[in-house]
N, C-alpha and C. Protein backbone atom coordinates (compact mmCIF):
# COMPACT_ATOMS: atom_id res chain seq x y z
N MET A 1 25.32 -1.05 54.67
CA MET A 1 24.50 -0.16 55.46
C MET A 1 23.61 -1.02 56.34
N SER A 2 23.29 -0.49 57.49
CA SER A 2 22.46 -1.27 58.43
C SER A 2 21.02 -1.34 57.92
N SER A 3 20.30 -2.32 58.43
CA SER A 3 18.91 -2.51 57.98
C SER A 3 18.04 -1.32 58.39
N ARG A 4 18.35 -0.74 59.55
CA ARG A 4 17.56 0.42 60.01
C ARG A 4 17.74 1.61 59.07
N GLU A 5 18.99 1.87 58.67
CA GLU A 5 19.27 2.97 57.74
C GLU A 5 18.58 2.73 56.39
N ALA A 6 18.64 1.49 55.91
CA ALA A 6 18.02 1.15 54.63
C ALA A 6 16.51 1.34 54.68
N GLN A 7 15.90 0.96 55.80
CA GLN A 7 14.45 1.13 55.95
C GLN A 7 14.08 2.61 55.96
N LEU A 8 14.86 3.41 56.66
CA LEU A 8 14.59 4.85 56.71
C LEU A 8 14.76 5.49 55.33
N LEU A 9 15.80 5.09 54.62
CA LEU A 9 16.06 5.62 53.28
C LEU A 9 14.92 5.25 52.33
N ALA A 10 14.45 4.00 52.40
CA ALA A 10 13.35 3.56 51.54
C ALA A 10 12.07 4.33 51.86
N LYS A 11 11.80 4.53 53.15
CA LYS A 11 10.60 5.26 53.56
C LYS A 11 10.67 6.71 53.12
N GLU A 12 11.84 7.28 53.21
CA GLU A 12 12.07 8.67 52.81
C GLU A 12 11.81 8.87 51.32
N GLN A 13 12.23 7.87 50.50
CA GLN A 13 12.06 7.96 49.04
C GLN A 13 10.69 7.50 48.58
N GLY A 14 9.92 6.89 49.48
CA GLY A 14 8.58 6.43 49.14
C GLY A 14 8.57 5.15 48.31
N VAL A 15 9.59 4.33 48.49
CA VAL A 15 9.68 3.06 47.77
C VAL A 15 9.82 1.92 48.77
N ASP A 16 10.00 0.70 48.26
CA ASP A 16 10.04 -0.47 49.11
C ASP A 16 11.46 -1.00 49.25
N LEU A 17 11.70 -1.71 50.33
CA LEU A 17 12.96 -2.39 50.59
C LEU A 17 12.70 -3.87 50.34
N VAL A 18 13.32 -4.44 49.28
CA VAL A 18 13.03 -5.81 48.86
C VAL A 18 14.26 -6.68 49.06
N GLU A 19 14.06 -7.83 49.72
CA GLU A 19 15.15 -8.76 49.96
C GLU A 19 15.41 -9.56 48.68
N ILE A 20 16.63 -9.50 48.16
CA ILE A 20 16.99 -10.17 46.92
C ILE A 20 17.61 -11.54 47.20
N ALA A 21 18.60 -11.59 48.07
CA ALA A 21 19.28 -12.85 48.41
C ALA A 21 19.26 -13.03 49.92
N ALA A 22 18.36 -13.87 50.40
CA ALA A 22 18.19 -14.05 51.84
C ALA A 22 19.31 -14.90 52.44
N ASN A 23 19.88 -15.81 51.66
CA ASN A 23 20.89 -16.73 52.16
C ASN A 23 22.29 -16.12 52.25
N ALA A 24 22.47 -14.96 51.65
CA ALA A 24 23.80 -14.32 51.69
C ALA A 24 24.07 -13.79 53.10
N ASN A 25 25.36 -13.59 53.39
CA ASN A 25 25.72 -13.08 54.71
C ASN A 25 26.48 -11.78 54.52
N PRO A 26 26.01 -10.62 54.77
CA PRO A 26 24.67 -10.26 55.23
C PRO A 26 23.64 -10.36 54.08
N PRO A 27 22.34 -10.45 54.38
CA PRO A 27 21.31 -10.55 53.33
C PRO A 27 21.35 -9.33 52.39
N VAL A 28 21.11 -9.61 51.09
CA VAL A 28 21.16 -8.55 50.09
C VAL A 28 19.74 -8.02 49.86
N VAL A 29 19.59 -6.70 49.94
CA VAL A 29 18.28 -6.06 49.71
C VAL A 29 18.46 -4.92 48.72
N LYS A 30 17.35 -4.56 48.07
CA LYS A 30 17.35 -3.45 47.12
C LYS A 30 16.24 -2.48 47.49
N ILE A 31 16.50 -1.21 47.18
CA ILE A 31 15.47 -0.20 47.39
C ILE A 31 14.83 0.05 46.02
N ILE A 32 13.61 -0.49 45.84
CA ILE A 32 12.91 -0.37 44.56
C ILE A 32 11.42 -0.16 44.78
N ASP A 33 10.74 0.29 43.73
CA ASP A 33 9.28 0.39 43.75
C ASP A 33 8.74 -1.00 43.40
N TRP A 34 8.09 -1.65 44.35
CA TRP A 34 7.67 -3.04 44.20
C TRP A 34 6.68 -3.22 43.03
N GLY A 35 5.75 -2.32 42.87
CA GLY A 35 4.78 -2.42 41.77
C GLY A 35 5.47 -2.34 40.41
N LYS A 36 6.41 -1.42 40.29
CA LYS A 36 7.15 -1.26 39.04
C LYS A 36 8.01 -2.50 38.77
N TYR A 37 8.61 -3.05 39.81
CA TYR A 37 9.44 -4.25 39.69
C TYR A 37 8.59 -5.43 39.20
N GLN A 38 7.43 -5.62 39.79
CA GLN A 38 6.54 -6.71 39.39
C GLN A 38 6.09 -6.54 37.93
N TYR A 39 5.77 -5.30 37.55
CA TYR A 39 5.34 -5.01 36.18
C TYR A 39 6.45 -5.36 35.18
N GLN A 40 7.67 -4.95 35.47
CA GLN A 40 8.79 -5.23 34.57
C GLN A 40 9.06 -6.73 34.47
N LYS A 41 8.95 -7.42 35.60
CA LYS A 41 9.15 -8.86 35.62
C LYS A 41 8.08 -9.57 34.77
N MET A 42 6.84 -9.13 34.89
CA MET A 42 5.74 -9.71 34.11
C MET A 42 5.96 -9.47 32.61
N LYS A 43 6.39 -8.27 32.24
CA LYS A 43 6.66 -7.94 30.84
C LYS A 43 7.78 -8.82 30.29
N GLU A 44 8.83 -9.01 31.07
CA GLU A 44 9.96 -9.83 30.63
C GLU A 44 9.54 -11.29 30.43
N GLU A 45 8.71 -11.81 31.32
CA GLU A 45 8.22 -13.19 31.18
C GLU A 45 7.35 -13.33 29.93
N ALA A 46 6.52 -12.34 29.65
CA ALA A 46 5.67 -12.37 28.46
C ALA A 46 6.54 -12.35 27.20
N LYS A 47 7.59 -11.56 27.23
CA LYS A 47 8.51 -11.47 26.09
C LYS A 47 9.20 -12.81 25.86
N ASN A 48 9.62 -13.47 26.95
CA ASN A 48 10.27 -14.78 26.83
C ASN A 48 9.31 -15.83 26.29
N ARG A 49 8.05 -15.79 26.75
CA ARG A 49 7.05 -16.73 26.23
C ARG A 49 6.82 -16.52 24.74
N LYS A 50 6.79 -15.25 24.32
CA LYS A 50 6.58 -14.94 22.91
C LYS A 50 7.74 -15.46 22.07
N LYS A 51 8.97 -15.29 22.55
CA LYS A 51 10.15 -15.78 21.84
C LYS A 51 10.11 -17.30 21.71
N ALA A 52 9.68 -17.97 22.78
CA ALA A 52 9.61 -19.43 22.76
C ALA A 52 8.59 -19.90 21.73
N ARG A 53 7.46 -19.18 21.62
CA ARG A 53 6.44 -19.53 20.63
C ARG A 53 6.93 -19.29 19.22
N GLU A 54 7.70 -18.22 19.02
CA GLU A 54 8.19 -17.88 17.68
C GLU A 54 9.15 -18.93 17.15
N LYS A 55 9.87 -19.59 18.05
CA LYS A 55 10.85 -20.58 17.61
C LYS A 55 10.17 -21.82 17.04
N GLN A 56 8.97 -22.14 17.53
CA GLN A 56 8.24 -23.30 17.01
C GLN A 56 7.68 -22.95 15.64
N SER A 57 7.86 -23.86 14.68
CA SER A 57 7.32 -23.59 13.35
C SER A 57 5.84 -23.96 13.33
N GLU A 58 5.06 -23.11 12.74
CA GLU A 58 3.62 -23.34 12.64
C GLU A 58 3.31 -23.98 11.30
N LEU A 59 2.13 -24.56 11.20
CA LEU A 59 1.65 -25.10 9.94
C LEU A 59 0.63 -24.12 9.38
N LYS A 60 0.97 -23.50 8.27
CA LYS A 60 0.08 -22.56 7.61
C LYS A 60 -0.61 -23.29 6.47
N GLN A 61 -1.84 -22.92 6.17
CA GLN A 61 -2.57 -23.54 5.06
C GLN A 61 -2.86 -22.50 4.00
N MET A 62 -2.72 -22.92 2.74
CA MET A 62 -3.04 -22.04 1.62
C MET A 62 -3.97 -22.81 0.69
N LYS A 63 -5.20 -22.31 0.53
CA LYS A 63 -6.17 -22.97 -0.33
C LYS A 63 -6.18 -22.30 -1.70
N ILE A 64 -6.18 -23.13 -2.73
CA ILE A 64 -6.16 -22.64 -4.11
C ILE A 64 -7.26 -23.34 -4.89
N GLY A 65 -8.09 -22.58 -5.58
CA GLY A 65 -9.14 -23.15 -6.43
C GLY A 65 -8.58 -23.44 -7.82
N LEU A 66 -9.27 -24.32 -8.56
CA LEU A 66 -8.80 -24.67 -9.90
C LEU A 66 -8.87 -23.51 -10.87
N LYS A 67 -9.81 -22.61 -10.66
CA LYS A 67 -10.03 -21.50 -11.60
C LYS A 67 -9.30 -20.22 -11.18
N ILE A 68 -8.21 -20.35 -10.43
CA ILE A 68 -7.47 -19.19 -9.94
C ILE A 68 -6.76 -18.49 -11.10
N SER A 69 -6.77 -17.16 -11.07
CA SER A 69 -6.09 -16.40 -12.13
C SER A 69 -4.59 -16.39 -11.87
N GLU A 70 -3.83 -16.04 -12.89
CA GLU A 70 -2.37 -16.04 -12.80
C GLU A 70 -1.89 -15.06 -11.73
N ASN A 71 -2.50 -13.87 -11.69
CA ASN A 71 -2.08 -12.86 -10.72
C ASN A 71 -2.39 -13.31 -9.29
N ASP A 72 -3.57 -13.86 -9.06
CA ASP A 72 -3.92 -14.34 -7.73
C ASP A 72 -2.99 -15.46 -7.29
N LEU A 73 -2.63 -16.32 -8.23
CA LEU A 73 -1.71 -17.42 -7.92
C LEU A 73 -0.34 -16.87 -7.51
N ASN A 74 0.13 -15.85 -8.24
CA ASN A 74 1.43 -15.24 -7.90
C ASN A 74 1.39 -14.60 -6.51
N ILE A 75 0.27 -13.99 -6.15
CA ILE A 75 0.13 -13.38 -4.82
C ILE A 75 0.19 -14.46 -3.74
N LYS A 76 -0.51 -15.57 -3.96
CA LYS A 76 -0.50 -16.66 -2.98
C LYS A 76 0.89 -17.28 -2.87
N VAL A 77 1.60 -17.41 -3.98
CA VAL A 77 2.96 -17.97 -3.96
C VAL A 77 3.88 -17.04 -3.16
N ARG A 78 3.73 -15.73 -3.37
CA ARG A 78 4.55 -14.77 -2.63
C ARG A 78 4.27 -14.86 -1.12
N LYS A 79 3.00 -15.03 -0.76
CA LYS A 79 2.62 -15.17 0.65
C LYS A 79 3.22 -16.46 1.23
N MET A 80 3.17 -17.54 0.46
CA MET A 80 3.75 -18.81 0.93
C MET A 80 5.25 -18.69 1.11
N ARG A 81 5.93 -17.97 0.22
CA ARG A 81 7.37 -17.75 0.35
C ARG A 81 7.68 -17.05 1.66
N GLY A 82 6.84 -16.07 2.01
CA GLY A 82 7.02 -15.36 3.28
C GLY A 82 6.89 -16.30 4.47
N PHE A 83 5.89 -17.19 4.43
CA PHE A 83 5.73 -18.17 5.51
C PHE A 83 6.95 -19.06 5.61
N ILE A 84 7.44 -19.53 4.46
CA ILE A 84 8.60 -20.43 4.43
C ILE A 84 9.83 -19.72 4.99
N GLU A 85 10.03 -18.46 4.61
CA GLU A 85 11.18 -17.70 5.10
C GLU A 85 11.11 -17.48 6.60
N ASP A 86 9.90 -17.40 7.16
CA ASP A 86 9.72 -17.23 8.60
C ASP A 86 9.95 -18.54 9.35
N GLY A 87 10.16 -19.64 8.61
CA GLY A 87 10.42 -20.92 9.25
C GLY A 87 9.18 -21.77 9.44
N ASP A 88 8.05 -21.34 8.91
CA ASP A 88 6.81 -22.10 9.04
C ASP A 88 6.70 -23.14 7.94
N ARG A 89 5.94 -24.18 8.22
CA ARG A 89 5.62 -25.16 7.18
C ARG A 89 4.32 -24.71 6.53
N VAL A 90 4.12 -25.08 5.26
CA VAL A 90 2.92 -24.67 4.54
C VAL A 90 2.24 -25.91 3.94
N LYS A 91 0.94 -25.98 4.13
CA LYS A 91 0.15 -27.04 3.51
C LYS A 91 -0.62 -26.41 2.37
N ILE A 92 -0.31 -26.83 1.16
CA ILE A 92 -0.98 -26.29 -0.03
C ILE A 92 -2.16 -27.20 -0.35
N MET A 93 -3.34 -26.60 -0.45
CA MET A 93 -4.55 -27.37 -0.73
C MET A 93 -5.20 -26.87 -2.01
N VAL A 94 -5.35 -27.77 -2.98
CA VAL A 94 -6.09 -27.45 -4.20
C VAL A 94 -7.52 -27.92 -3.95
N VAL A 95 -8.47 -26.99 -3.98
CA VAL A 95 -9.85 -27.28 -3.63
C VAL A 95 -10.65 -27.54 -4.91
N PHE A 96 -11.33 -28.68 -4.93
CA PHE A 96 -12.20 -29.03 -6.06
C PHE A 96 -13.64 -28.71 -5.69
N ARG A 97 -14.38 -28.08 -6.61
CA ARG A 97 -15.77 -27.73 -6.37
C ARG A 97 -16.63 -28.38 -7.46
N GLY A 98 -17.74 -28.91 -7.04
CA GLY A 98 -18.72 -29.45 -7.98
C GLY A 98 -18.16 -30.49 -8.92
N ARG A 99 -18.30 -30.23 -10.21
CA ARG A 99 -17.89 -31.20 -11.24
C ARG A 99 -16.39 -31.21 -11.49
N GLU A 100 -15.68 -30.33 -10.82
CA GLU A 100 -14.21 -30.31 -10.98
C GLU A 100 -13.57 -31.61 -10.50
N MET A 101 -14.27 -32.38 -9.68
CA MET A 101 -13.74 -33.65 -9.18
C MET A 101 -13.44 -34.61 -10.32
N ALA A 102 -14.09 -34.44 -11.45
CA ALA A 102 -13.87 -35.32 -12.60
C ALA A 102 -12.53 -35.03 -13.26
N HIS A 103 -11.90 -33.90 -12.95
CA HIS A 103 -10.64 -33.50 -13.60
C HIS A 103 -9.52 -33.32 -12.57
N LYS A 104 -9.20 -34.40 -11.90
CA LYS A 104 -8.15 -34.35 -10.87
C LYS A 104 -6.78 -34.06 -11.47
N GLU A 105 -6.59 -34.41 -12.73
CA GLU A 105 -5.30 -34.15 -13.38
C GLU A 105 -5.02 -32.65 -13.50
N ILE A 106 -6.05 -31.85 -13.64
CA ILE A 106 -5.88 -30.39 -13.70
C ILE A 106 -5.37 -29.88 -12.35
N GLY A 107 -5.91 -30.44 -11.27
CA GLY A 107 -5.46 -30.07 -9.93
C GLY A 107 -4.01 -30.46 -9.70
N THR A 108 -3.63 -31.63 -10.19
CA THR A 108 -2.24 -32.08 -10.05
C THR A 108 -1.30 -31.16 -10.81
N GLU A 109 -1.71 -30.75 -12.03
CA GLU A 109 -0.90 -29.82 -12.83
C GLU A 109 -0.76 -28.49 -12.11
N LEU A 110 -1.85 -28.00 -11.52
CA LEU A 110 -1.81 -26.73 -10.80
C LEU A 110 -0.86 -26.82 -9.60
N LEU A 111 -0.92 -27.93 -8.89
CA LEU A 111 -0.03 -28.13 -7.73
C LEU A 111 1.43 -28.17 -8.16
N ASP A 112 1.70 -28.85 -9.29
CA ASP A 112 3.07 -28.89 -9.82
C ASP A 112 3.55 -27.50 -10.21
N LYS A 113 2.64 -26.70 -10.78
CA LYS A 113 2.97 -25.33 -11.18
C LYS A 113 3.31 -24.48 -9.95
N VAL A 114 2.53 -24.65 -8.88
CA VAL A 114 2.78 -23.89 -7.65
C VAL A 114 4.14 -24.27 -7.07
N LEU A 115 4.42 -25.57 -7.04
CA LEU A 115 5.70 -26.03 -6.50
C LEU A 115 6.87 -25.52 -7.34
N ALA A 116 6.68 -25.44 -8.66
CA ALA A 116 7.73 -24.90 -9.52
C ALA A 116 7.94 -23.40 -9.26
N LEU A 117 6.83 -22.68 -9.03
CA LEU A 117 6.93 -21.25 -8.74
C LEU A 117 7.59 -20.97 -7.39
N MET A 118 7.46 -21.91 -6.46
CA MET A 118 8.04 -21.72 -5.13
C MET A 118 9.57 -21.71 -5.17
N GLY A 119 10.16 -22.37 -6.14
CA GLY A 119 11.62 -22.33 -6.27
C GLY A 119 12.29 -23.55 -5.69
N ASP A 120 13.63 -23.44 -5.54
CA ASP A 120 14.45 -24.57 -5.12
C ASP A 120 14.71 -24.63 -3.62
N ASN A 121 14.32 -23.60 -2.88
CA ASN A 121 14.64 -23.58 -1.45
C ASN A 121 13.57 -24.25 -0.58
N ILE A 122 12.76 -25.15 -1.18
CA ILE A 122 11.74 -25.84 -0.41
C ILE A 122 11.93 -27.35 -0.50
N VAL A 123 11.36 -28.05 0.47
CA VAL A 123 11.34 -29.50 0.48
C VAL A 123 9.88 -29.92 0.53
N VAL A 124 9.49 -30.82 -0.38
CA VAL A 124 8.12 -31.32 -0.40
C VAL A 124 8.03 -32.50 0.57
N GLU A 125 7.11 -32.40 1.53
CA GLU A 125 6.93 -33.45 2.53
C GLU A 125 5.90 -34.46 2.04
N GLY A 126 6.37 -35.54 1.47
CA GLY A 126 5.46 -36.58 0.99
C GLY A 126 4.91 -36.25 -0.39
N LYS A 127 4.05 -37.13 -0.88
CA LYS A 127 3.45 -36.89 -2.19
C LYS A 127 2.05 -36.32 -2.01
N PRO A 128 1.52 -35.67 -3.05
CA PRO A 128 0.18 -35.08 -2.95
C PRO A 128 -0.88 -36.15 -2.63
N GLN A 129 -1.80 -35.81 -1.73
CA GLN A 129 -2.85 -36.74 -1.32
C GLN A 129 -4.22 -36.11 -1.50
N MET A 130 -5.19 -36.95 -1.88
CA MET A 130 -6.57 -36.51 -1.97
C MET A 130 -7.24 -36.74 -0.61
N ASN A 131 -7.80 -35.68 -0.04
CA ASN A 131 -8.56 -35.76 1.21
C ASN A 131 -9.94 -35.19 0.93
N GLY A 132 -10.88 -36.06 0.59
CA GLY A 132 -12.21 -35.58 0.23
C GLY A 132 -12.15 -34.80 -1.07
N ARG A 133 -12.47 -33.52 -1.01
CA ARG A 133 -12.46 -32.67 -2.21
C ARG A 133 -11.19 -31.83 -2.30
N ASN A 134 -10.18 -32.17 -1.53
CA ASN A 134 -8.93 -31.39 -1.53
C ASN A 134 -7.74 -32.26 -1.89
N LEU A 135 -6.87 -31.69 -2.73
CA LEU A 135 -5.59 -32.32 -3.05
C LEU A 135 -4.55 -31.50 -2.29
N SER A 136 -3.81 -32.15 -1.38
CA SER A 136 -2.91 -31.37 -0.53
C SER A 136 -1.52 -31.97 -0.46
N VAL A 137 -0.54 -31.08 -0.19
CA VAL A 137 0.84 -31.47 0.00
C VAL A 137 1.48 -30.47 0.96
N GLY A 138 2.42 -30.94 1.77
CA GLY A 138 3.11 -30.06 2.71
C GLY A 138 4.49 -29.69 2.20
N ILE A 139 4.92 -28.46 2.47
CA ILE A 139 6.26 -28.02 2.09
C ILE A 139 6.90 -27.32 3.28
N ARG A 140 8.23 -27.29 3.29
CA ARG A 140 8.98 -26.58 4.32
C ARG A 140 10.27 -26.07 3.73
N LYS A 141 10.99 -25.28 4.51
CA LYS A 141 12.26 -24.70 4.07
C LYS A 141 13.32 -25.78 4.00
N LYS A 142 14.22 -25.68 3.02
CA LYS A 142 15.30 -26.64 2.87
C LYS A 142 16.27 -26.54 4.01
């Protein structure tokens, strides 16, 4: 269709005539609502950015005190399993408070118990390390 006919048709419908491929012979144009087109394009770009972010694994932290109850520990383990299944890495931190620093072996036992509860589908990244008042280790999906 000629450019004059396309312009009249676009004006008649109350929309815009947008050039898609300028280098083509003849040039390719579309009759669209420019504001709606820009909005859809922006939404698609945001969706692509979100997908790109989701592919990167995040580092999640889970803090556990020495005096944690069995039920609370099970809840935290279940939450960590969810993180692992989503592809994220998890840093488990056993937090020592006050005089608990004198009993680091209890913290090590608690960390071993958590790792045993996590199951076989994890890989421990390095050995547990003391960082100030925290005993920490990283885990990820096998």
